[in-house]
Amino acid sequence: MKYKKLGSFSTIKSGYAFRSTILDDSDGRLVVIQPKDVISGYGNSFIHMKSGMVPDHHIIDRGSVLVTNRGTFCARVFNERFKAITTSGVFVIRLYSDTEVTPEYIALYINSEIGQRQLASKQESMTVPALTVKQIQELEIPIVSKEKQELLSGAFNASQRCKDILSDLQKQNKSLMNQIIKGAIDG
């Protein structure tokens, strides 16, 4: 099995560093993806802002891998049709077009127990785990055949869909319970 450093077949950068609180603009067409969105799945709780508020080079390309860089390390492939940027709490990994590795495989590896252990060994802080761009560039990725990557990616995508569905069900259940309690209290 051969291994390659993630930085050898991708560009990795931090998301946009906002200088103040991000205010939601319901008319905005640009979605701001925060670490919580990567961890819990893309939902309907995004913050929106107007295009032109941040430089265009911060807009995420489809197929980019988003990785949280503080606390819980989690990866997700961005394949959405909307325009988005990330905050500085998320790394954006863009694979070179000639690479033999798929974005789904990278996300799967980072989220795996093996990938998590490797990330933990590189983290900077003991109180709140954190990674730098340099540290994630050094992540050693085991290179498997395209066939295996596609098989693993299919399983990963199915698993992600299940996780998203369960998360939605939990939110709906919580909302329903709150409505029931409110109804019982209000009479």
Protein backbone atom coordinates (compact mmCIF):
# COMPACT_ATOMS: atom_id res chain seq x y z
CA MET A 1 0.00 0.00 0.00
CA LYS A 2 1.38 3.38 -0.91
CA TYR A 3 0.69 6.54 1.06
CA LYS A 4 0.68 10.14 -0.12
CA LYS A 5 0.60 13.34 1.88
CA LEU A 6 -2.70 15.16 1.39
CA GLY A 7 -0.85 18.37 0.50
CA SER A 8 0.91 16.65 -2.42
CA PHE A 9 -2.30 16.27 -4.44
CA SER A 10 -4.46 19.13 -3.20
CA THR A 11 -4.59 22.76 -2.16
CA ILE A 12 -5.76 23.40 1.38
CA LYS A 13 -6.81 26.74 2.78
CA SER A 14 -8.75 28.11 5.72
CA GLY A 15 -12.19 29.57 5.22
CA TYR A 16 -12.90 33.28 5.34
CA ALA A 17 -11.95 35.07 8.58
CA PHE A 18 -14.90 37.32 9.33
CA ARG A 19 -13.90 40.38 11.35
CA SER A 20 -17.27 40.69 13.07
CA THR A 21 -20.46 38.76 13.76
CA ILE A 22 -22.05 37.38 10.62
CA LEU A 23 -25.53 38.79 10.28
CA ASP A 24 -28.11 36.75 8.39
CA ASP A 25 -29.48 38.47 5.29
CA SER A 26 -32.53 36.55 4.06
CA ASP A 27 -32.11 38.17 0.62
CA GLY A 28 -28.51 36.96 0.37
CA ARG A 29 -27.65 34.28 -2.17
CA LEU A 30 -24.35 33.27 -0.63
CA VAL A 31 -24.48 30.61 2.09
CA VAL A 32 -22.02 30.69 4.99
CA ILE A 33 -20.97 27.19 6.09
CA GLN A 34 -19.79 26.96 9.68
CA PRO A 35 -18.20 23.98 11.50
CA LYS A 36 -21.60 22.97 12.96
CA ASP A 37 -22.95 22.64 9.41
CA VAL A 38 -20.14 20.28 8.42
CA ILE A 39 -20.59 18.19 11.58
CA SER A 40 -24.38 17.93 11.57
CA GLY A 41 -24.97 17.96 7.84
CA TYR A 42 -26.20 20.73 5.67
CA GLY A 43 -29.60 21.76 6.93
CA ASN A 44 -31.86 24.74 6.63
CA SER A 45 -30.18 26.75 9.38
CA PHE A 46 -27.58 28.40 7.18
CA ILE A 47 -26.67 32.03 7.47
CA HIS A 48 -27.05 33.89 4.18
CA MET A 49 -25.24 36.96 2.96
CA LYS A 50 -25.07 39.00 -0.22
CA SER A 51 -22.51 38.07 -2.86
CA GLY A 52 -19.70 40.59 -3.12
CA MET A 53 -19.29 40.81 0.66
CA VAL A 54 -16.26 38.48 0.46
CA PRO A 55 -13.68 37.94 -2.30
CA ASP A 56 -14.78 35.47 -5.00
CA HIS A 57 -11.75 33.22 -4.44
CA HIS A 58 -13.37 32.15 -1.13
CA ILE A 59 -16.38 30.64 -2.91
CA ILE A 60 -16.29 26.86 -2.58
CA ASP A 61 -16.00 24.68 -5.69
CA ARG A 62 -18.25 21.64 -5.97
CA GLY A 63 -16.26 18.55 -5.05
CA SER A 64 -14.23 20.35 -2.39
CA VAL A 65 -13.74 18.55 0.92
CA LEU A 66 -14.67 20.63 3.96
CA VAL A 67 -12.92 19.73 7.22
CA THR A 68 -13.51 21.27 10.63
CA ASN A 69 -10.21 22.34 12.14
CA ARG A 70 -11.01 22.74 15.83
CA GLY A 71 -12.71 20.55 18.43
CA THR A 72 -14.29 17.65 16.55
CA PHE A 73 -12.60 16.91 13.25
CA CYS A 74 -15.19 16.08 10.63
CA ALA A 75 -15.14 16.03 6.82
CA ARG A 76 -17.89 16.42 4.26
CA VAL A 77 -17.82 16.77 0.48
CA PHE A 78 -19.44 19.93 -0.86
CA ASN A 79 -21.60 18.93 -3.82
CA GLU A 80 -24.35 21.48 -3.40
CA ARG A 81 -25.74 23.64 -6.21
CA PHE A 82 -25.77 26.83 -4.14
CA LYS A 83 -22.87 29.29 -3.81
CA ALA A 84 -21.14 29.09 -0.44
CA ILE A 85 -18.13 30.09 1.60
CA THR A 86 -16.83 28.71 4.88
CA THR A 87 -15.76 30.43 8.05
CA SER A 88 -12.18 30.15 9.29
CA GLY A 89 -13.19 27.14 11.42
CA VAL A 90 -13.31 25.01 8.27
CA PHE A 91 -10.54 23.98 5.88
CA VAL A 92 -11.37 23.78 2.19
CA ILE A 93 -9.51 21.02 0.35
CA ARG A 94 -9.47 21.15 -3.46
CA LEU A 95 -8.02 18.08 -5.11
CA TYR A 96 -5.88 18.52 -8.21
CA SER A 97 -7.74 17.45 -11.35
CA ASP A 98 -5.16 14.80 -12.20
CA THR A 99 -5.24 13.11 -8.79
CA GLU A 100 -6.06 9.43 -8.41
CA VAL A 101 -8.10 10.09 -5.26
CA THR A 102 -11.79 11.07 -5.02
CA PRO A 103 -13.13 13.73 -2.63
CA GLU A 104 -15.51 11.16 -1.11
CA TYR A 105 -12.59 8.88 -0.29
CA ILE A 106 -10.72 11.74 1.42
CA ALA A 107 -13.80 12.60 3.53
CA LEU A 108 -14.32 8.93 4.34
CA TYR A 109 -10.69 8.50 5.40
CA ILE A 110 -10.67 11.65 7.55
CA ASN A 111 -13.90 10.56 9.28
CA SER A 112 -12.63 7.01 9.84
CA GLU A 113 -11.15 5.87 13.13
CA ILE A 114 -7.72 5.56 11.48
CA GLY A 115 -7.91 9.08 10.02
CA GLN A 116 -9.14 10.50 13.34
CA ARG A 117 -6.21 8.92 15.19
CA GLN A 118 -3.77 10.38 12.68
CA LEU A 119 -5.35 13.83 13.03
CA ALA A 120 -5.28 13.57 16.83
CA SER A 121 -1.55 12.82 16.69
CA LYS A 122 -0.99 16.05 14.73
CA GLN A 123 -3.19 18.37 16.80
CA GLU A 124 -1.70 21.47 18.35
CA SER A 125 -3.60 21.91 21.61
CA MET A 126 -4.59 19.55 24.39
CA THR A 127 -7.48 21.60 25.77
CA VAL A 128 -9.27 22.21 22.46
CA PRO A 129 -7.96 20.03 19.64
CA ALA A 130 -6.90 22.19 16.70
CA LEU A 131 -5.12 21.71 13.39
CA THR A 132 -3.15 24.05 11.17
CA VAL A 133 -3.09 23.95 7.36
CA LYS A 134 0.48 22.63 7.53
CA GLN A 135 -0.56 19.76 9.82
CA ILE A 136 -3.42 18.63 7.59
CA GLN A 137 -1.17 18.88 4.52
CA GLU A 138 1.04 16.27 6.23
CA LEU A 139 -1.86 13.80 6.65
CA GLU A 140 -0.77 10.48 5.12
CA ILE A 141 -3.54 9.09 2.90
CA PRO A 142 -3.44 5.38 1.96
CA ILE A 143 -3.99 5.16 -1.79
CA VAL A 144 -6.34 2.38 -2.86
CA SER A 145 -7.63 1.57 -6.34
CA LYS A 146 -10.36 3.71 -7.94
CA GLU A 147 -12.69 0.68 -7.75
CA LYS A 148 -12.23 0.40 -3.98
CA GLN A 149 -12.60 4.17 -3.57
CA GLU A 150 -15.90 4.11 -5.47
CA LEU A 151 -17.17 1.16 -3.42
CA LEU A 152 -16.16 2.84 -0.17
CA SER A 153 -17.56 6.18 -1.35
CA GLY A 154 -20.92 4.58 -2.16
CA ALA A 155 -21.08 3.10 1.33
CA PHE A 156 -20.00 6.42 2.82
CA ASN A 157 -22.65 8.38 0.90
CA ALA A 158 -25.37 5.95 2.02
CA SER A 159 -24.14 6.25 5.60
CA GLN A 160 -24.14 10.08 5.35
CA ARG A 161 -27.72 10.08 4.03
CA CYS A 162 -28.79 7.84 6.94
CA LYS A 163 -27.04 10.16 9.41
CA ASP A 164 -28.75 13.21 7.87
CA ILE A 165 -32.17 11.52 7.95
CA LEU A 166 -31.69 10.54 11.60
CA SER A 167 -30.63 14.07 12.47
CA ASP A 168 -33.74 15.48 10.77
CA LEU A 169 -35.94 12.96 12.60
CA GLN A 170 -34.39 13.91 15.94
CA LYS A 171 -35.06 17.61 15.24
CA GLN A 172 -38.66 16.87 14.24
CA ASN A 173 -39.15 14.70 17.34
CA LYS A 174 -37.81 17.46 19.60
CA SER A 175 -40.08 20.01 17.94
CA LEU A 176 -43.10 17.71 18.27
CA MET A 177 -42.39 17.07 21.94
CA ASN A 178 -42.07 20.82 22.58
CA GLN A 179 -45.40 21.41 20.84
CA ILE A 180 -47.07 18.67 22.90
CA ILE A 181 -45.71 20.08 26.15
CA LYS A 182 -46.69 23.62 25.17
CA GLY A 183 -50.19 22.40 24.26
CA ALA A 184 -50.56 20.59 27.58
CA ILE A 185 -49.42 23.65 29.54
CA ASP A 186 -51.53 26.12 27.55
CA GLY A 187 -54.58 23.95 28.03
